[in-house]
Structures are given as structure tokens and as C-alpha cells.
Protein backbone atom coordinates (compact mmCIF):
# COMPACT_ATOMS: atom_id res chain seq x y z
CA MET A 1 -37.64 -53.53 -58.55
CA SER A 2 -34.76 -54.46 -56.25
CA GLU A 3 -34.18 -53.02 -52.82
CA GLN A 4 -31.01 -51.40 -54.16
CA THR A 5 -32.79 -49.16 -56.63
CA SER A 6 -36.14 -48.60 -54.95
CA PRO A 7 -37.43 -45.07 -54.86
CA GLU A 8 -37.44 -45.15 -51.04
CA ARG A 9 -33.75 -46.05 -50.99
CA ARG A 10 -32.88 -43.25 -53.46
CA ARG A 11 -34.77 -40.79 -51.24
CA ARG A 12 -32.87 -41.96 -48.20
CA VAL A 13 -29.55 -41.63 -49.98
CA ARG A 14 -30.41 -38.14 -51.17
CA ALA A 15 -31.55 -37.09 -47.68
CA GLU A 16 -28.30 -38.42 -46.25
CA ALA A 17 -26.27 -36.55 -48.91
CA ARG A 18 -28.12 -33.32 -48.01
CA ARG A 19 -27.39 -33.86 -44.27
CA SER A 20 -23.70 -34.50 -45.05
CA VAL A 21 -23.40 -31.38 -47.24
CA SER A 22 -25.11 -29.29 -44.55
CA ALA A 23 -22.75 -30.69 -41.84
CA ILE A 24 -19.73 -30.04 -44.04
CA LEU A 25 -20.75 -26.41 -44.80
CA ASP A 26 -21.58 -25.74 -41.12
CA ALA A 27 -18.21 -27.12 -40.07
CA ALA A 28 -16.37 -25.22 -42.83
CA ILE A 29 -17.92 -21.91 -41.86
CA ARG A 30 -16.97 -22.44 -38.23
CA VAL A 31 -13.46 -23.84 -38.85
CA LEU A 32 -12.47 -21.42 -41.64
CA GLY A 33 -13.79 -18.50 -39.60
CA GLU A 34 -11.33 -19.45 -36.88
CA ARG A 35 -8.49 -20.77 -39.06
CA PRO A 36 -8.70 -19.56 -42.68
CA GLN A 37 -6.03 -21.98 -43.84
CA ALA A 38 -7.65 -25.06 -42.25
CA SER A 39 -7.34 -28.23 -44.31
CA MET A 40 -10.10 -30.44 -45.73
CA GLU A 41 -9.15 -33.03 -43.08
CA GLU A 42 -9.72 -30.49 -40.27
CA ILE A 43 -13.10 -29.57 -41.77
CA ALA A 44 -14.05 -33.29 -42.16
CA ALA A 45 -13.17 -33.93 -38.52
CA ALA A 46 -15.21 -30.94 -37.35
CA ALA A 47 -18.15 -32.23 -39.43
CA GLY A 48 -17.78 -35.71 -37.95
CA LEU A 49 -17.27 -37.16 -41.40
CA SER A 50 -14.47 -38.84 -43.29
CA ARG A 51 -12.20 -36.85 -45.59
CA GLN A 52 -13.46 -39.07 -48.47
CA THR A 53 -17.06 -38.02 -47.77
CA VAL A 54 -16.09 -34.35 -47.91
CA TYR A 55 -14.25 -34.90 -51.20
CA ALA A 56 -17.25 -36.79 -52.57
CA HIS A 57 -19.31 -33.67 -52.22
CA PHE A 58 -16.61 -31.02 -52.81
CA PRO A 59 -13.78 -32.19 -55.15
CA SER A 60 -11.43 -29.49 -53.95
CA ARG A 61 -10.87 -27.01 -51.16
CA ASP A 62 -11.67 -24.19 -53.63
CA ALA A 63 -15.01 -25.85 -54.44
CA LEU A 64 -15.82 -26.06 -50.73
CA VAL A 65 -14.86 -22.42 -50.06
CA ALA A 66 -17.02 -21.38 -53.04
CA ALA A 67 -19.98 -23.30 -51.55
CA VAL A 68 -19.37 -21.69 -48.17
CA PHE A 69 -19.44 -18.20 -49.65
CA GLN A 70 -22.57 -19.07 -51.65
CA ARG A 71 -24.33 -20.21 -48.48
CA MET A 72 -23.33 -17.03 -46.63
CA THR A 73 -24.47 -14.89 -49.59
CA ASP A 74 -27.80 -16.71 -49.72
CA ASP A 75 -28.27 -16.09 -46.02
CA ALA A 76 -27.42 -12.36 -46.37
CA ILE A 77 -29.83 -11.97 -49.32
CA ALA A 78 -32.63 -13.67 -47.36
CA ALA A 79 -32.01 -11.31 -44.38
CA MET A 80 -32.05 -8.28 -46.61
CA ASP A 81 -35.25 -9.39 -48.32
CA ALA A 82 -36.84 -9.94 -44.91
CA ALA A 83 -35.94 -6.32 -44.06
CA ASP A 84 -38.54 -4.96 -46.51
CA LEU A 85 -36.21 -2.53 -48.20
CA ASP A 86 -38.94 -1.15 -50.42
CA GLU A 87 -41.08 -0.08 -47.45
CA GLY A 88 -41.08 3.10 -45.42
CA PRO A 89 -38.59 5.95 -45.49
CA ALA A 90 -35.39 5.25 -47.28
CA PRO A 91 -33.10 6.01 -44.28
CA ALA A 92 -35.06 3.55 -42.12
CA ALA A 93 -34.79 0.92 -44.84
CA LEU A 94 -31.07 1.64 -45.13
CA LEU A 95 -30.62 1.03 -41.39
CA ARG A 96 -32.59 -2.24 -41.70
CA LEU A 97 -30.28 -3.30 -44.49
CA LEU A 98 -27.20 -2.42 -42.40
CA ASP A 99 -28.60 -4.33 -39.45
CA ALA A 100 -29.27 -7.39 -41.63
CA GLY A 101 -25.73 -7.20 -43.01
CA TRP A 102 -24.25 -6.79 -39.52
CA ARG A 103 -26.11 -9.85 -38.23
CA THR A 104 -24.73 -11.77 -41.19
CA ILE A 105 -21.18 -10.69 -40.39
CA GLN A 106 -21.65 -11.63 -36.74
CA ARG A 107 -23.03 -15.03 -37.73
CA PHE A 108 -20.29 -15.65 -40.30
CA PRO A 109 -17.00 -14.21 -39.00
CA MET A 110 -15.33 -15.75 -42.04
CA LEU A 111 -16.66 -12.81 -44.03
CA GLN A 112 -14.19 -10.60 -42.12
CA VAL A 113 -11.33 -13.06 -42.01
CA ASP A 114 -11.22 -14.27 -45.56
CA THR A 115 -13.08 -11.96 -47.92
CA GLY A 116 -10.51 -12.46 -50.68
CA SER A 117 -11.76 -16.00 -51.38
CA ALA A 118 -15.26 -14.93 -52.39
CA ASP A 119 -16.33 -14.90 -56.00
CA PRO A 120 -16.91 -11.21 -56.84
CA ASP A 121 -20.13 -12.18 -58.60
CA LEU A 122 -21.58 -13.20 -55.24
CA HIS A 123 -21.77 -9.51 -54.30
CA GLY A 124 -24.09 -8.84 -57.22
CA PRO A 125 -27.44 -9.57 -55.56
CA VAL A 126 -26.43 -7.64 -52.47
CA VAL A 127 -25.26 -4.63 -54.57
CA ASP A 128 -28.51 -4.81 -56.59
CA ARG A 129 -30.61 -4.43 -53.45
CA LEU A 130 -28.47 -1.57 -52.15
CA LEU A 131 -28.57 0.20 -55.49
CA ARG A 132 -32.35 -0.04 -55.68
CA LEU A 133 -32.56 1.47 -52.20
CA ILE A 134 -30.06 4.29 -53.02
CA GLU A 135 -31.95 5.18 -56.17
CA ARG A 136 -35.25 5.26 -54.25
CA GLY A 137 -33.74 7.45 -51.55
CA GLN A 138 -32.23 9.85 -54.11
CA ARG A 139 -35.47 10.16 -56.02
CA SER A 140 -37.37 11.02 -52.83
CA GLY A 141 -34.73 13.54 -51.72
CA GLU A 142 -33.84 11.46 -48.59
CA PHE A 143 -30.33 10.75 -49.81
CA ASP A 144 -27.87 13.15 -51.45
CA ALA A 145 -28.81 13.15 -55.11
CA GLN A 146 -25.36 14.46 -56.05
CA ALA A 147 -23.56 11.40 -54.64
CA SER A 148 -22.70 8.70 -57.16
CA PRO A 149 -24.59 5.49 -56.38
CA GLY A 150 -21.40 3.51 -57.20
CA TRP A 151 -19.51 5.57 -54.60
CA LEU A 152 -22.21 5.09 -51.98
CA ILE A 153 -22.10 1.33 -52.58
CA ALA A 154 -18.32 1.19 -52.31
CA ALA A 155 -18.33 3.33 -49.17
CA THR A 156 -21.04 1.14 -47.59
CA ILE A 157 -19.07 -2.04 -48.22
CA ALA A 158 -15.78 -0.53 -47.04
CA LEU A 159 -17.28 0.94 -43.88
CA GLY A 160 -19.06 -2.38 -43.17
CA HIS A 161 -15.77 -4.24 -43.41
CA ALA A 162 -14.03 -1.61 -41.29
CA ALA A 163 -16.65 -1.93 -38.56
CA GLY A 164 -16.40 -5.70 -38.64
CA ALA A 165 -12.62 -5.57 -38.44
CA GLU A 166 -12.68 -3.17 -35.51
CA ALA A 167 -15.09 -5.49 -33.64
CA ALA A 168 -13.16 -8.62 -34.60
CA ALA A 169 -9.89 -7.07 -33.36
CA GLY A 170 -11.51 -6.12 -30.10
CA ARG A 171 -10.88 -2.34 -30.56
CA MET A 172 -14.64 -1.78 -30.40
CA SER A 173 -17.52 -3.78 -29.02
CA ALA A 174 -19.83 -5.25 -31.66
CA ASP A 175 -22.57 -2.85 -30.44
CA ASP A 176 -20.31 0.17 -30.70
CA ALA A 177 -19.05 -0.85 -34.15
CA ALA A 178 -22.62 -1.33 -35.38
CA ALA A 179 -23.64 2.10 -34.01
CA ALA A 180 -20.60 3.76 -35.61
CA LEU A 181 -21.38 2.05 -38.92
CA ARG A 182 -25.03 3.21 -38.85
CA ALA A 183 -24.09 6.85 -38.01
CA SER A 184 -21.27 6.94 -40.61
CA ILE A 185 -23.38 5.54 -43.42
CA LEU A 186 -26.20 8.00 -42.76
CA ARG A 187 -23.66 10.87 -42.97
CA VAL A 188 -22.11 9.51 -46.19
CA TYR A 189 -25.60 9.25 -47.71
CA GLY A 190 -26.53 12.77 -46.53
CA ALA A 191 -29.51 11.31 -44.71
CA ARG A 192 -31.14 12.33 -41.44
CA PRO A 193 -31.43 9.63 -38.82
CA PRO A 194 -35.01 8.32 -38.90
CA THR A 195 -37.20 9.37 -36.00
CA ARG A 196 -38.53 6.54 -33.88
């Protein structure tokens, strides 16, 4: 077996490719969050890689943007799953979900700047978790059973984006926007604030 095709060399090449992809996605998240129309060349420069390397992993800007949104969605889902949404009172779980989402928005400002580029299917896992929580809260009487779950989901997403936009525009501090979001969502759901 030659040095060119050895298993060790293939492992090194794959590891280098993973590092390149990670650097590209990190740079794309940062650069596109600041300048949504940034070019592939700008992203490559921010990643410390050549434009050719970026195109080797992502054949188009659309493919790169799709990968960026997939990474952000995966991060949001992991944060929601870590929030133990099936545990404790539904209003407390709802606030944990909102906090997890807020941290994701703060970590990835691109979610506020360029939400139109995301594949609508990426919202599916997030919506599924929220729906499960809404149904649990409605069954237990902790959320308004007369409110349509679809409406509650739409209101949650819209209010989350509104809070993020207010904070991003500097009209509210991030802490004030997060507090307003939490209070507004509890009212929309017909839920009492959990006691500490």
C-alpha cells in the first residue's frame, strides 16, 4: 500500500477537510451576520482559506448559506433538548425553551439579519418541540386550552423575532428584550409566571 492511499493519510485528509468546513462555517456565520450580502471571497478570507477551498466544500453561495442555517438549527435543537422540555411545569419549560432560543439568537445574529434565506423545513424540529410543549401545557390546564397550537407557535416565532430585532436595533437592551419576550409569551399562552 502506497503512502498516498494509506489509511492514515486518508484519516488526515478527512480531519483537515472537517477543520476547513468548520472554519468556513464559523467565518460565514460571523461575516454574514455582519454583512448579509458578503461574497464567498470575503468568507474565505475571514476563514483564512482560499476561495477554491471554500468552493471545494460548498459549490455555491446558496449551498454555504444552507449549511450555515443547518448548523444554527442543529445548535438551537441541542439547546432546546438540553432544556428538558418534558420536565416540570409547562410554563417553566416554556421559559427554558425561550431562554435557549434567545441564547441561540444572541450567538447567531444572522438569524435576525437574514431569516429569509433559511429553508422553511429547518423550522420543523423546533416547531415539533414547541408543539409538544404546548399540547402538554394545554392538557394540564397550564396553558389556554382554547388557543390554537398553530397560533401559539406563530405568535412565539413572531414575538421572538420582534424581540431580537428590537435588541439588534438598539431600541432595547438584550436583557430587556428577553424579559419582554418572556412576559409577552406567558400572556399569549394564558400562563401564570412560574414561582421560583
